[in-house]
């Protein structure tokens, strides 16, 4: 159980860090906030899976930095390519696209991202992850297990909701658009607003409830930005 708790917390931590990096980079490029990734919550699981795979498959026992760098590029590239391929086949949409960048493979991976992945993974193995191990190790085993199970339940619920909503709205997504995360999130918010019982119940019980009104305004801004592009 302790091993499960440790690795699942590693997965969540790196998924969150990846989400933060994605949001910040997107904001720097487009000057707008976009909740990156497939899930509704603030995580990008591909980063969590990538780091955990690198920890398990490569580790940091090898003193050959070049070897770790190259192996990390391979693991991350295969994971990114397969994730893009599977998600596009399932939902007829792409969450990222590198077709405009040089040295890309079907727009799913490219040299421009592969190199940072290799460097990032090497830094994580030698510098970041030992600190993460230390911090997670400070938690009481029972508390750690409770936190891990709670986060697992939330993660599974988020996956279930996201899968259900994406299945409902995939026909509405413009297939010709490449990286259309913003448009997808807008459709997801709209579907949840119009179709979920819990939100309708809240609106009826509390007429002055305005949280989703703010979400709608954000959705309009996202749609406007997409049209301007």
C-alpha atoms as a PDB file:
ATOM      1  CA  UNK A   1       0.000   0.000   0.000  1.00  0.00           C
ATOM      2  CA  UNK A   2       2.843   2.352   0.823  1.00  0.00           C
ATOM      3  CA  UNK A   3       4.351   1.833  -2.639  1.00  0.00           C
ATOM      4  CA  UNK A   4       0.995   2.535  -4.282  1.00  0.00           C
ATOM      5  CA  UNK A   5       0.553   5.714  -2.219  1.00  0.00           C
ATOM      6  CA  UNK A   6       4.032   6.952  -3.070  1.00  0.00           C
ATOM      7  CA  UNK A   7       3.813   6.424  -6.797  1.00  0.00           C
ATOM      8  CA  UNK A   8       0.279   7.720  -7.125  1.00  0.00           C
ATOM      9  CA  UNK A   9       1.241  10.895  -5.259  1.00  0.00           C
ATOM     10  CA  UNK A  10       4.277  11.244  -7.550  1.00  0.00           C
ATOM     11  CA  UNK A  11       1.891  10.898 -10.493  1.00  0.00           C
ATOM     12  CA  UNK A  12      -0.466  13.594  -9.171  1.00  0.00           C
ATOM     13  CA  UNK A  13       2.351  15.988  -8.271  1.00  0.00           C
ATOM     14  CA  UNK A  14       4.011  15.788 -11.682  1.00  0.00           C
ATOM     15  CA  UNK A  15       0.637  15.932 -13.455  1.00  0.00           C
ATOM     16  CA  UNK A  16      -0.094  19.179 -11.617  1.00  0.00           C
ATOM     17  CA  UNK A  17       3.359  20.598 -12.358  1.00  0.00           C
ATOM     18  CA  UNK A  18       2.852  19.722 -16.024  1.00  0.00           C
ATOM     19  CA  UNK A  19      -0.533  21.467 -16.035  1.00  0.00           C
ATOM     20  CA  UNK A  20       1.034  24.606 -14.537  1.00  0.00           C
ATOM     21  CA  UNK A  21       3.789  24.596 -17.175  1.00  0.00           C
ATOM     22  CA  UNK A  22       1.242  24.143 -19.988  1.00  0.00           C
ATOM     23  CA  UNK A  23      -0.982  26.961 -18.724  1.00  0.00           C
ATOM     24  CA  UNK A  24       1.937  29.345 -18.202  1.00  0.00           C
ATOM     25  CA  UNK A  25       3.430  28.648 -21.643  1.00  0.00           C
ATOM     26  CA  UNK A  26       0.036  29.091 -23.310  1.00  0.00           C
ATOM     27  CA  UNK A  27      -0.527  32.330 -21.437  1.00  0.00           C
ATOM     28  CA  UNK A  28       2.882  33.646 -22.498  1.00  0.00           C
ATOM     29  CA  UNK A  29       2.153  32.766 -26.138  1.00  0.00           C
ATOM     30  CA  UNK A  30      -1.493  33.870 -26.398  1.00  0.00           C
ATOM     31  CA  UNK A  31      -1.960  36.170 -23.379  1.00  0.00           C
ATOM     32  CA  UNK A  32      -4.990  34.196 -22.188  1.00  0.00           C
ATOM     33  CA  UNK A  33      -5.749  31.468 -19.688  1.00  0.00           C
ATOM     34  CA  UNK A  34      -6.609  28.047 -21.103  1.00  0.00           C
ATOM     35  CA  UNK A  35      -7.232  25.031 -18.878  1.00  0.00           C
ATOM     36  CA  UNK A  36      -4.885  22.738 -20.722  1.00  0.00           C
ATOM     37  CA  UNK A  37      -5.329  18.999 -20.948  1.00  0.00           C
ATOM     38  CA  UNK A  38      -8.185  16.562 -21.313  1.00  0.00           C
ATOM     39  CA  UNK A  39      -9.477  16.619 -17.736  1.00  0.00           C
ATOM     40  CA  UNK A  40     -11.500  19.317 -16.001  1.00  0.00           C
ATOM     41  CA  UNK A  41      -9.190  19.428 -12.998  1.00  0.00           C
ATOM     42  CA  UNK A  42      -5.783  21.161 -12.846  1.00  0.00           C
ATOM     43  CA  UNK A  43      -3.678  18.215 -13.994  1.00  0.00           C
ATOM     44  CA  UNK A  44      -2.167  16.939 -17.243  1.00  0.00           C
ATOM     45  CA  UNK A  45      -1.823  13.181 -16.661  1.00  0.00           C
ATOM     46  CA  UNK A  46       0.558  12.701 -19.589  1.00  0.00           C
ATOM     47  CA  UNK A  47       3.261  14.438 -17.526  1.00  0.00           C
ATOM     48  CA  UNK A  48       2.550  12.257 -14.509  1.00  0.00           C
ATOM     49  CA  UNK A  49       2.618   9.074 -16.572  1.00  0.00           C
ATOM     50  CA  UNK A  50       5.771  10.226 -18.332  1.00  0.00           C
ATOM     51  CA  UNK A  51       7.722  10.938 -15.167  1.00  0.00           C
ATOM     52  CA  UNK A  52       6.578   7.752 -13.415  1.00  0.00           C
ATOM     53  CA  UNK A  53       7.534   5.696 -16.473  1.00  0.00           C
ATOM     54  CA  UNK A  54      10.947   7.348 -16.577  1.00  0.00           C
ATOM     55  CA  UNK A  55      11.446   6.690 -12.857  1.00  0.00           C
ATOM     56  CA  UNK A  56      10.504   3.022 -13.254  1.00  0.00           C
ATOM     57  CA  UNK A  57      12.183   2.314 -16.596  1.00  0.00           C
ATOM     58  CA  UNK A  58      15.282   4.467 -16.370  1.00  0.00           C
ATOM     59  CA  UNK A  59      15.867   5.518 -12.780  1.00  0.00           C
ATOM     60  CA  UNK A  60      18.889   7.557 -11.774  1.00  0.00           C
ATOM     61  CA  UNK A  61      21.421   4.838 -10.979  1.00  0.00           C
ATOM     62  CA  UNK A  62      23.094   5.261 -14.348  1.00  0.00           C
ATOM     63  CA  UNK A  63      25.844   7.882 -14.171  1.00  0.00           C
ATOM     64  CA  UNK A  64      25.779   8.328 -17.941  1.00  0.00           C
ATOM     65  CA  UNK A  65      23.818  11.578 -18.363  1.00  0.00           C
ATOM     66  CA  UNK A  66      23.732  11.243 -22.146  1.00  0.00           C
ATOM     67  CA  UNK A  67      22.191   7.795 -21.865  1.00  0.00           C
ATOM     68  CA  UNK A  68      19.485   9.052 -19.482  1.00  0.00           C
ATOM     69  CA  UNK A  69      18.849  12.058 -21.716  1.00  0.00           C
ATOM     70  CA  UNK A  70      18.365   9.914 -24.831  1.00  0.00           C
ATOM     71  CA  UNK A  71      16.284   7.275 -23.057  1.00  0.00           C
ATOM     72  CA  UNK A  72      14.041   9.995 -21.630  1.00  0.00           C
ATOM     73  CA  UNK A  73      13.497  11.464 -25.081  1.00  0.00           C
ATOM     74  CA  UNK A  74      12.494   8.051 -26.389  1.00  0.00           C
ATOM     75  CA  UNK A  75      10.071   7.282 -23.530  1.00  0.00           C
ATOM     76  CA  UNK A  76       8.440  10.732 -23.609  1.00  0.00           C
ATOM     77  CA  UNK A  77       8.158  10.783 -27.404  1.00  0.00           C
ATOM     78  CA  UNK A  78       6.525   7.348 -27.587  1.00  0.00           C
ATOM     79  CA  UNK A  79       4.085   8.301 -24.816  1.00  0.00           C
ATOM     80  CA  UNK A  80       3.208  11.645 -26.414  1.00  0.00           C
ATOM     81  CA  UNK A  81       2.731  10.119 -29.863  1.00  0.00           C
ATOM     82  CA  UNK A  82       0.527   7.271 -28.615  1.00  0.00           C
ATOM     83  CA  UNK A  83      -1.533   9.622 -26.431  1.00  0.00           C
ATOM     84  CA  UNK A  84      -2.163  11.981 -29.349  1.00  0.00           C
ATOM     85  CA  UNK A  85      -3.036   9.094 -31.667  1.00  0.00           C
ATOM     86  CA  UNK A  86      -5.454   7.398 -29.266  1.00  0.00           C
ATOM     87  CA  UNK A  87      -7.230  10.600 -28.235  1.00  0.00           C
ATOM     88  CA  UNK A  88      -7.665  11.696 -31.839  1.00  0.00           C
ATOM     89  CA  UNK A  89      -9.110   8.308 -32.770  1.00  0.00           C
ATOM     90  CA  UNK A  90     -11.500   8.408 -29.810  1.00  0.00           C
ATOM     91  CA  UNK A  91     -12.663  12.010 -29.988  1.00  0.00           C
ATOM     92  CA  UNK A  92     -11.735  13.209 -33.506  1.00  0.00           C
ATOM     93  CA  UNK A  93      -9.806  16.139 -32.035  1.00  0.00           C
ATOM     94  CA  UNK A  94      -6.278  17.137 -31.121  1.00  0.00           C
ATOM     95  CA  UNK A  95      -5.160  18.753 -27.890  1.00  0.00           C
ATOM     96  CA  UNK A  96      -1.825  19.719 -29.458  1.00  0.00           C
ATOM     97  CA  UNK A  97      -0.381  19.852 -32.953  1.00  0.00           C
ATOM     98  CA  UNK A  98       3.197  20.392 -34.145  1.00  0.00           C
ATOM     99  CA  UNK A  99       2.527  20.338 -37.886  1.00  0.00           C
ATOM    100  CA  UNK A 100       3.930  23.853 -38.310  1.00  0.00           C
ATOM    101  CA  UNK A 101       7.185  22.991 -36.554  1.00  0.00           C
ATOM    102  CA  UNK A 102      10.246  21.486 -38.207  1.00  0.00           C
ATOM    103  CA  UNK A 103      11.221  17.852 -37.723  1.00  0.00           C
ATOM    104  CA  UNK A 104       7.791  16.709 -36.617  1.00  0.00           C
ATOM    105  CA  UNK A 105       6.197  13.280 -37.029  1.00  0.00           C
ATOM    106  CA  UNK A 106       2.558  13.566 -38.110  1.00  0.00           C
ATOM    107  CA  UNK A 107       2.254  16.693 -36.002  1.00  0.00           C
ATOM    108  CA  UNK A 108       2.207  14.549 -32.853  1.00  0.00           C
ATOM    109  CA  UNK A 109       5.818  14.948 -31.731  1.00  0.00           C
ATOM    110  CA  UNK A 110       8.638  17.205 -32.845  1.00  0.00           C
ATOM    111  CA  UNK A 111      12.300  17.838 -32.133  1.00  0.00           C
ATOM    112  CA  UNK A 112      11.488  21.188 -30.497  1.00  0.00           C
ATOM    113  CA  UNK A 113       9.637  19.459 -27.659  1.00  0.00           C
ATOM    114  CA  UNK A 114      11.637  16.220 -27.564  1.00  0.00           C
ATOM    115  CA  UNK A 115      14.846  17.974 -26.506  1.00  0.00           C
ATOM    116  CA  UNK A 116      13.246  19.857 -23.567  1.00  0.00           C
ATOM    117  CA  UNK A 117      11.577  16.589 -22.496  1.00  0.00           C
ATOM    118  CA  UNK A 118      14.982  14.910 -22.360  1.00  0.00           C
ATOM    119  CA  UNK A 119      16.569  17.764 -20.422  1.00  0.00           C
ATOM    120  CA  UNK A 120      13.576  18.082 -18.102  1.00  0.00           C
ATOM    121  CA  UNK A 121      13.521  14.373 -17.339  1.00  0.00           C
ATOM    122  CA  UNK A 122      17.250  14.370 -16.579  1.00  0.00           C
ATOM    123  CA  UNK A 123      16.857  17.331 -14.209  1.00  0.00           C
ATOM    124  CA  UNK A 124      13.877  15.658 -12.535  1.00  0.00           C
ATOM    125  CA  UNK A 125      15.723  12.379 -11.955  1.00  0.00           C
ATOM    126  CA  UNK A 126      18.829  13.995 -10.495  1.00  0.00           C
ATOM    127  CA  UNK A 127      17.482  17.096  -8.762  1.00  0.00           C
ATOM    128  CA  UNK A 128      13.708  17.350  -8.394  1.00  0.00           C
ATOM    129  CA  UNK A 129      12.588  13.798  -7.687  1.00  0.00           C
ATOM    130  CA  UNK A 130      14.861  13.194  -4.661  1.00  0.00           C
ATOM    131  CA  UNK A 131      13.199  16.219  -3.039  1.00  0.00           C
ATOM    132  CA  UNK A 132       9.724  14.933  -3.957  1.00  0.00           C
ATOM    133  CA  UNK A 133      10.609  11.553  -2.413  1.00  0.00           C
ATOM    134  CA  UNK A 134      11.716  13.330   0.751  1.00  0.00           C
ATOM    135  CA  UNK A 135       8.568  15.460   1.027  1.00  0.00           C
ATOM    136  CA  UNK A 136       6.195  12.556   0.364  1.00  0.00           C
ATOM    137  CA  UNK A 137       8.164  10.478   2.868  1.00  0.00           C
ATOM    138  CA  UNK A 138       7.439  13.031   5.584  1.00  0.00           C
ATOM    139  CA  UNK A 139       3.737  12.110   5.511  1.00  0.00           C
ATOM    140  CA  UNK A 140       2.377   9.631   8.013  1.00  0.00           C
ATOM    141  CA  UNK A 141       1.769   6.320   6.156  1.00  0.00           C
ATOM    142  CA  UNK A 142      -1.943   6.204   7.069  1.00  0.00           C
ATOM    143  CA  UNK A 143      -2.463   9.856   6.169  1.00  0.00           C
ATOM    144  CA  UNK A 144      -0.536   9.330   2.953  1.00  0.00           C
ATOM    145  CA  UNK A 145      -2.780   6.404   2.033  1.00  0.00           C
ATOM    146  CA  UNK A 146      -5.938   8.405   2.783  1.00  0.00           C
ATOM    147  CA  UNK A 147      -4.710  11.311   0.640  1.00  0.00           C
ATOM    148  CA  UNK A 148      -3.748   8.967  -2.208  1.00  0.00           C
ATOM    149  CA  UNK A 149      -7.110   7.156  -2.175  1.00  0.00           C
ATOM    150  CA  UNK A 150      -9.031  10.462  -2.020  1.00  0.00           C
ATOM    151  CA  UNK A 151      -7.087  11.875  -4.960  1.00  0.00           C
ATOM    152  CA  UNK A 152      -7.543   8.597  -6.856  1.00  0.00           C
ATOM    153  CA  UNK A 153     -11.327   8.813  -6.432  1.00  0.00           C
ATOM    154  CA  UNK A 154     -11.336  12.436  -7.606  1.00  0.00           C
ATOM    155  CA  UNK A 155      -9.109  11.512 -10.536  1.00  0.00           C
ATOM    156  CA  UNK A 156     -11.382   8.638 -11.603  1.00  0.00           C
ATOM    157  CA  UNK A 157     -14.497  10.820 -11.277  1.00  0.00           C
ATOM    158  CA  UNK A 158     -12.848  13.529 -13.386  1.00  0.00           C
ATOM    159  CA  UNK A 159     -11.938  10.933 -16.019  1.00  0.00           C
ATOM    160  CA  UNK A 160     -15.484   9.561 -16.048  1.00  0.00           C
ATOM    161  CA  UNK A 161     -17.073  13.005 -16.409  1.00  0.00           C
ATOM    162  CA  UNK A 162     -14.571  14.145 -19.033  1.00  0.00           C
ATOM    163  CA  UNK A 163     -15.018  10.957 -21.071  1.00  0.00           C
ATOM    164  CA  UNK A 164     -18.797  11.215 -20.879  1.00  0.00           C
ATOM    165  CA  UNK A 165     -18.894  14.876 -21.875  1.00  0.00           C
ATOM    166  CA  UNK A 166     -16.364  14.414 -24.692  1.00  0.00           C
ATOM    167  CA  UNK A 167     -18.399  11.497 -26.054  1.00  0.00           C
ATOM    168  CA  UNK A 168     -21.473  13.743 -26.065  1.00  0.00           C
ATOM    169  CA  UNK A 169     -19.856  16.752 -27.732  1.00  0.00           C
ATOM    170  CA  UNK A 170     -17.242  15.231 -30.071  1.00  0.00           C
ATOM    171  CA  UNK A 171     -19.532  15.708 -33.078  1.00  0.00           C
ATOM    172  CA  UNK A 172     -19.623  19.457 -32.332  1.00  0.00           C
ATOM    173  CA  UNK A 173     -15.845  19.903 -32.401  1.00  0.00           C
ATOM    174  CA  UNK A 174     -14.404  21.318 -35.586  1.00  0.00           C
ATOM    175  CA  UNK A 175     -12.334  18.519 -37.021  1.00  0.00           C
ATOM    176  CA  UNK A 176     -10.242  20.791 -39.215  1.00  0.00           C
ATOM    177  CA  UNK A 177      -8.915  22.736 -36.256  1.00  0.00           C
ATOM    178  CA  UNK A 178      -5.561  21.527 -34.984  1.00  0.00           C
ATOM    179  CA  UNK A 179      -4.745  22.452 -31.376  1.00  0.00           C
ATOM    180  CA  UNK A 180      -8.264  23.226 -30.174  1.00  0.00           C
ATOM    181  CA  UNK A 181      -8.075  22.823 -26.409  1.00  0.00           C
ATOM    182  CA  UNK A 182      -9.790  26.167 -25.799  1.00  0.00           C
ATOM    183  CA  UNK A 183     -12.714  25.317 -28.073  1.00  0.00           C
ATOM    184  CA  UNK A 184     -13.088  21.879 -26.492  1.00  0.00           C
ATOM    185  CA  UNK A 185     -13.134  23.317 -22.976  1.00  0.00           C
ATOM    186  CA  UNK A 186     -15.762  25.831 -24.071  1.00  0.00           C
ATOM    187  CA  UNK A 187     -17.990  23.026 -25.372  1.00  0.00           C
ATOM    188  CA  UNK A 188     -17.440  21.019 -22.188  1.00  0.00           C
ATOM    189  CA  UNK A 189     -18.498  23.953 -20.002  1.00  0.00           C
ATOM    190  CA  UNK A 190     -21.551  24.547 -22.165  1.00  0.00           C
ATOM    191  CA  UNK A 191     -22.618  20.882 -21.976  1.00  0.00           C
ATOM    192  CA  UNK A 192     -22.199  20.750 -18.192  1.00  0.00           C
ATOM    193  CA  UNK A 193     -24.190  23.967 -17.856  1.00  0.00           C
ATOM    194  CA  UNK A 194     -27.086  22.703 -19.971  1.00  0.00           C
ATOM    195  CA  UNK A 195     -27.225  19.035 -19.036  1.00  0.00           C
ATOM    196  CA  UNK A 196     -26.164  18.374 -15.465  1.00  0.00           C
ATOM    197  CA  UNK A 197     -28.844  17.929 -12.832  1.00  0.00           C
ATOM    198  CA  UNK A 198     -26.734  19.222  -9.976  1.00  0.00           C
ATOM    199  CA  UNK A 199     -26.150  22.616 -11.535  1.00  0.00           C
ATOM    200  CA  UNK A 200     -29.794  23.049 -12.527  1.00  0.00           C
ATOM    201  CA  UNK A 201     -30.783  22.147  -8.970  1.00  0.00           C
ATOM    202  CA  UNK A 202     -28.379  24.730  -7.547  1.00  0.00           C
ATOM    203  CA  UNK A 203     -29.712  27.417  -9.880  1.00  0.00           C
ATOM    204  CA  UNK A 204     -33.287  26.667  -8.843  1.00  0.00           C
ATOM    205  CA  UNK A 205     -32.445  26.579  -5.148  1.00  0.00           C
ATOM    206  CA  UNK A 206     -30.234  29.643  -5.237  1.00  0.00           C
ATOM    207  CA  UNK A 207     -31.414  32.090  -7.926  1.00  0.00           C
ATOM    208  CA  UNK A 208     -28.575  34.478  -7.115  1.00  0.00           C
ATOM    209  CA  UNK A 209     -25.949  31.786  -7.698  1.00  0.00           C
ATOM    210  CA  UNK A 210     -23.546  33.377 -10.170  1.00  0.00           C
ATOM    211  CA  UNK A 211     -20.495  31.114 -10.416  1.00  0.00           C
ATOM    212  CA  UNK A 212     -21.495  29.610 -13.758  1.00  0.00           C
ATOM    213  CA  UNK A 213     -22.353  33.080 -15.062  1.00  0.00           C
ATOM    214  CA  UNK A 214     -18.682  33.926 -14.689  1.00  0.00           C
ATOM    215  CA  UNK A 215     -17.800  30.679 -16.425  1.00  0.00           C
ATOM    216  CA  UNK A 216     -20.120  31.666 -19.295  1.00  0.00           C
ATOM    217  CA  UNK A 217     -18.325  34.999 -19.614  1.00  0.00           C
ATOM    218  CA  UNK A 218     -15.014  33.137 -19.740  1.00  0.00           C
ATOM    219  CA  UNK A 219     -16.465  30.850 -22.409  1.00  0.00           C
ATOM    220  CA  UNK A 220     -17.519  33.859 -24.507  1.00  0.00           C
ATOM    221  CA  UNK A 221     -14.015  35.309 -24.220  1.00  0.00           C
ATOM    222  CA  UNK A 222     -12.495  31.981 -25.320  1.00  0.00           C
ATOM    223  CA  UNK A 223     -14.866  31.745 -28.303  1.00  0.00           C
ATOM    224  CA  UNK A 224     -14.116  35.348 -29.293  1.00  0.00           C
ATOM    225  CA  UNK A 225     -10.355  34.744 -29.074  1.00  0.00           C
ATOM    226  CA  UNK A 226     -10.701  31.645 -31.258  1.00  0.00           C
ATOM    227  CA  UNK A 227     -12.637  33.587 -33.885  1.00  0.00           C
ATOM    228  CA  UNK A 228     -10.076  36.381 -33.851  1.00  0.00           C
ATOM    229  CA  UNK A 229      -7.348  33.822 -34.514  1.00  0.00           C
END
